[in-house]
Amino acid sequence: MIPVIMSGGSGTRLWPLSRKNKPKQFLNLFGDNSLFQDTLTRLSGVKTLETPIIVCNEDHRFMVAEQLQEKGIENAEIVLEPCAKNTAPAIALAALQAQQRGDDPTLLILAADHIIQDIPMFHQAIAAADIEAQLGHLVTFGIIPTMPHTGYGYIEAQNKNSPSKVNAFVEKPDLDTAQAYVDAGNFYWNSGMFMFKASTVINELLRVAPDILTACQQALSTSDRDLDFIRVDKDQFSVCPSDSFDYAVMEKTSKAVVIPLDAGWSDVGSWSSLWENHSQDSDNNVLIGDVTIQDVNNAYIHSEHRLVTVMGLDNVVVVETPDAVMVADKQQAENVKKIVETLMDQQRTEATLHRKGYRPWGGYDSLEQGDRFQVKRITVNPGASLSLQMHHHRAEHWVVVKGTAEVTCDDKKTILSENESTFIPLGSVHRLHNPGRVPLEIIEVQSGSYLGEDDIIRLDDRYNREQ
């Protein structure tokens, strides 16, 4: 059995914590592990489990690799989507890639951003699904509903409380319809988790969505191995139709079977669901970080950067990050996507980028920005290097705060220690390298007419990044 982790989402409904450059699946929202890491570690103990296949956005590839390394997971295959095409093409890519391992493996398709609290019950459901998958079925996991939720699609099963043929997939209902589904007892929330043999899903794709399968076959056949990544051909994949696996396959197949699952599942799709799945105090508040409250009930308050105080409010969400604060009525918090859309229309970088940027060599924190200047704290991992690069619009001053820096500037190489500095003139070809065994920290002061991240001309890069 091969776990396939779908990790392509952007998680804008949890803005400002979750943003395009680091979405919710890579955040530590429930402890020391990210949701992505929890998805992998909760599989411990499942029999005959092989190394996973991860399907992710190309921009997140180094984050995926780093989080796999943190959990000691080696030899995972990381398939890079050059553009978002929804879940059907992603699953097609994974199935085709898995087939190359031989022996027609069973695929366990999981989203990277779910939580499941009852792990033994989850393992029991996996075992039940495996039996059905070996019989040639396309298995989906249906969550036994705990309330008439209007934010989920539903699965109508032929029978109650047992593995069953699927009668229908139903769109998100209104409240009365959802209540009728719950009362009926044979309707489940659609979890978006699946299991099937690789040959089964490929044959069904060929039958009901041949255009998706053909595009993915062509894109994968001309893919490149890039470090630990499988880089799918962009031109071939871009012509693939965009569709969800439910629409493209599950609603059209006669082989759909649902396994009921009651294991404390949530897709953590909103601030309300995040509040529901956290431990709450005696006033039903979830308080994270440096928070002081008075006369507050039923609130989710999260501080990342500074002291947050809240008084005399009920049913609110307050989220503070180094560069943005979001305050909302909990009932309206699902509409945060509209705020993100407004920010994007205004071309605000806060819509998609955190103040902290993550790179394969380390990262940076934008401390201050003004007219024609920007100050960053840059951290370079031991042995790592930035690309050999130049800028058309800015010069840079570097001051070493911690560690040792090897600086290339045009034809000159210099070693800098703590409290030493250098100047990189506009247009100079330069590189920063950490030759030491401890992280290198520098303060960078940029000055110039344009300070955007896209003013980087890479001449040589060990990580094979594009412009």
Foldseek 3Di string as FASTA:
>chain_A
DAEEEEEADQQLLPPPVTFNLRGQLLDPLPPDGGLLLVVVVLCPPQPPYDQYEYEYAPSCVLSVVVNCVVVVRPLYEYEHDPDAQAAPLSVLLRLVVVCVVPPQDKYKYYYSQKDFAASVLVSVLVVLQVVLQVVLFKEFEFELDPALDQPFKKWAFPDADFKGFTPAIGHRDPSVVSVVQNVVRRMGGGRLIIMHGSVSSLVQCCVQPVQSNVLSVVQQVPWDDFPSYTYTRNVSNVPHHRDYCCVRGVRPDRRYIYGYGHGRMDSCSHPLVSLVPDDAPPQSEDEEDQEAEECEHNEYEYEDDDYDYYYNYYQWYWYYDPPDIDIDRNVCSSVSVVVLVVCVVVVNPSSHDDQWHQDSQGTKGFDDDDQFKTKIKDKGAAFGKDFFKAFQWKKKKKAWQAAWKWKDWAPDTDIDHHRDIDIHDHGTGMMIGHNDNGITIIMMMMGGNDDDPVRIDGPGDSNPDDD
